[in-house]
Every structure is written in C-alpha cells, then in structure tokens.
Amino acid sequence: MVELRDRVAELLTFRLQVAEVLEVRRNLDRDFLHDGEELVFWGTDPRDPDSDDDGFLDGLEVVIYETDPLDPA
C-alpha cells in the first residue's frame, strides 16, 4: 500500500511540474527544446542541455540528427 501511495504522489508531482512548464513554454537549458517537450515527449532533463552527455544538445539530436537524446551511443 505504501508503494501505491508513493507512486500516486510521484505522478501528481509530475503532473504539476508538466502543467507549470507547459504554461510558460520556456527553455531553461537553451537546447532548442521547450521544457514541456522535454518532460512530456522526450523524457530529457529540462535543466540539462545534453541529457545523455554525448556532446550534442538534446534539441539538435531530436531535430537535426534524428538520434535519441537519452542514448549516448
């Protein structure tokens, strides 16, 4: 039961974060992806311009190189 309660709390927190981000459409890490896109669609970190530390900005991986911004390979 504790696991379920923890999971529900995590999901509610995530939903609040997404709602907050989508209101503003900001790009805190300046990686060419809006923070809302990072959270909802790509699963990348909106505070880290290179979520997989491969040397390429997340936005460039998605739009230009068509690679996975979470896979450094």
C-alpha atoms as a PDB file:
ATOM      1  CA  MET A   1       0.000   0.000   0.000  1.00  0.00           C
ATOM      2  CA  VAL A   2       2.892   2.353   0.727  1.00  0.00           C
ATOM      3  CA  GLU A   3       4.294   1.756  -2.755  1.00  0.00           C
ATOM      4  CA  LEU A   4       0.985   2.726  -4.328  1.00  0.00           C
ATOM      5  CA  ARG A   5       0.765   5.877  -2.221  1.00  0.00           C
ATOM      6  CA  ASP A   6       4.332   6.811  -3.173  1.00  0.00           C
ATOM      7  CA  ARG A   7       3.636   6.187  -6.852  1.00  0.00           C
ATOM      8  CA  VAL A   8       0.477   8.312  -6.768  1.00  0.00           C
ATOM      9  CA  ALA A   9       2.399  11.114  -5.068  1.00  0.00           C
ATOM     10  CA  GLU A  10       5.103  10.910  -7.764  1.00  0.00           C
ATOM     11  CA  LEU A  11       2.523  11.053 -10.547  1.00  0.00           C
ATOM     12  CA  LEU A  12       0.752  14.036  -9.006  1.00  0.00           C
ATOM     13  CA  THR A  13       4.051  15.854  -8.588  1.00  0.00           C
ATOM     14  CA  PHE A  14       4.953  15.096 -12.215  1.00  0.00           C
ATOM     15  CA  ARG A  15       1.577  16.366 -13.447  1.00  0.00           C
ATOM     16  CA  LEU A  16       2.028  19.609 -11.521  1.00  0.00           C
ATOM     17  CA  GLN A  17       5.506  20.059 -12.977  1.00  0.00           C
ATOM     18  CA  VAL A  18       4.246  19.448 -16.506  1.00  0.00           C
ATOM     19  CA  ALA A  19       1.337  21.854 -16.081  1.00  0.00           C
ATOM     20  CA  GLU A  20       3.665  24.537 -14.762  1.00  0.00           C
ATOM     21  CA  VAL A  21       6.128  24.100 -17.618  1.00  0.00           C
ATOM     22  CA  LEU A  22       3.530  23.983 -20.384  1.00  0.00           C
ATOM     23  CA  GLU A  23       2.044  27.281 -19.215  1.00  0.00           C
ATOM     24  CA  VAL A  24       5.223  29.164 -19.994  1.00  0.00           C
ATOM     25  CA  ARG A  25       6.854  27.195 -22.844  1.00  0.00           C
ATOM     26  CA  ARG A  26      10.253  28.149 -21.538  1.00  0.00           C
ATOM     27  CA  ASN A  27      13.619  26.652 -22.425  1.00  0.00           C
ATOM     28  CA  LEU A  28      15.769  26.877 -19.312  1.00  0.00           C
ATOM     29  CA  ASP A  29      18.734  24.938 -20.699  1.00  0.00           C
ATOM     30  CA  ARG A  30      18.640  26.581 -24.168  1.00  0.00           C
ATOM     31  CA  ASP A  31      18.893  23.292 -26.041  1.00  0.00           C
ATOM     32  CA  PHE A  32      16.236  24.175 -28.652  1.00  0.00           C
ATOM     33  CA  LEU A  33      13.516  22.069 -26.962  1.00  0.00           C
ATOM     34  CA  HIS A  34      10.848  23.677 -24.803  1.00  0.00           C
ATOM     35  CA  ASP A  35      10.897  22.370 -21.229  1.00  0.00           C
ATOM     36  CA  GLY A  36       7.396  20.941 -21.651  1.00  0.00           C
ATOM     37  CA  GLU A  37       8.517  18.940 -24.691  1.00  0.00           C
ATOM     38  CA  GLU A  38      11.450  17.581 -22.737  1.00  0.00           C
ATOM     39  CA  LEU A  39       9.281  16.398 -19.862  1.00  0.00           C
ATOM     40  CA  VAL A  40       6.314  15.097 -21.838  1.00  0.00           C
ATOM     41  CA  PHE A  41       7.673  13.826 -25.153  1.00  0.00           C
ATOM     42  CA  TRP A  42      11.378  13.106 -24.829  1.00  0.00           C
ATOM     43  CA  GLY A  43      11.963  12.337 -21.146  1.00  0.00           C
ATOM     44  CA  THR A  44      15.041  14.548 -21.132  1.00  0.00           C
ATOM     45  CA  ASP A  45      16.110  16.901 -18.355  1.00  0.00           C
ATOM     46  CA  PRO A  46      14.871  20.454 -18.980  1.00  0.00           C
ATOM     47  CA  ARG A  47      17.762  21.787 -16.865  1.00  0.00           C
ATOM     48  CA  ASP A  48      20.491  19.903 -18.790  1.00  0.00           C
ATOM     49  CA  PRO A  49      21.112  20.856 -22.430  1.00  0.00           C
ATOM     50  CA  ASP A  50      22.767  17.474 -23.106  1.00  0.00           C
ATOM     51  CA  SER A  51      20.832  14.864 -21.137  1.00  0.00           C
ATOM     52  CA  ASP A  52      22.954  11.909 -22.283  1.00  0.00           C
ATOM     53  CA  ASP A  53      26.318  13.756 -22.065  1.00  0.00           C
ATOM     54  CA  ASP A  54      27.335  12.825 -25.618  1.00  0.00           C
ATOM     55  CA  GLY A  55      28.362  16.341 -26.629  1.00  0.00           C
ATOM     56  CA  PHE A  56      25.222  17.133 -28.657  1.00  0.00           C
ATOM     57  CA  LEU A  57      22.383  19.367 -27.469  1.00  0.00           C
ATOM     58  CA  ASP A  58      19.116  17.490 -26.921  1.00  0.00           C
ATOM     59  CA  GLY A  59      17.273  19.653 -29.448  1.00  0.00           C
ATOM     60  CA  LEU A  60      19.853  19.059 -32.150  1.00  0.00           C
ATOM     61  CA  GLU A  61      19.671  15.321 -31.570  1.00  0.00           C
ATOM     62  CA  VAL A  62      15.890  15.373 -31.980  1.00  0.00           C
ATOM     63  CA  VAL A  63      15.544  17.814 -34.882  1.00  0.00           C
ATOM     64  CA  ILE A  64      18.778  17.642 -36.885  1.00  0.00           C
ATOM     65  CA  TYR A  65      20.488  14.308 -36.214  1.00  0.00           C
ATOM     66  CA  GLU A  66      17.285  12.322 -35.505  1.00  0.00           C
ATOM     67  CA  THR A  67      19.000  10.443 -32.688  1.00  0.00           C
ATOM     68  CA  ASP A  68      17.845   9.570 -29.174  1.00  0.00           C
ATOM     69  CA  PRO A  69      18.699  12.408 -26.763  1.00  0.00           C
ATOM     70  CA  LEU A  70      18.882   9.837 -23.943  1.00  0.00           C
ATOM     71  CA  ASP A  71      21.269   7.422 -25.698  1.00  0.00           C
ATOM     72  CA  PRO A  72      24.929   8.493 -25.846  1.00  0.00           C
ATOM     73  CA  ALA A  73      25.764   5.833 -28.447  1.00  0.00           C
END
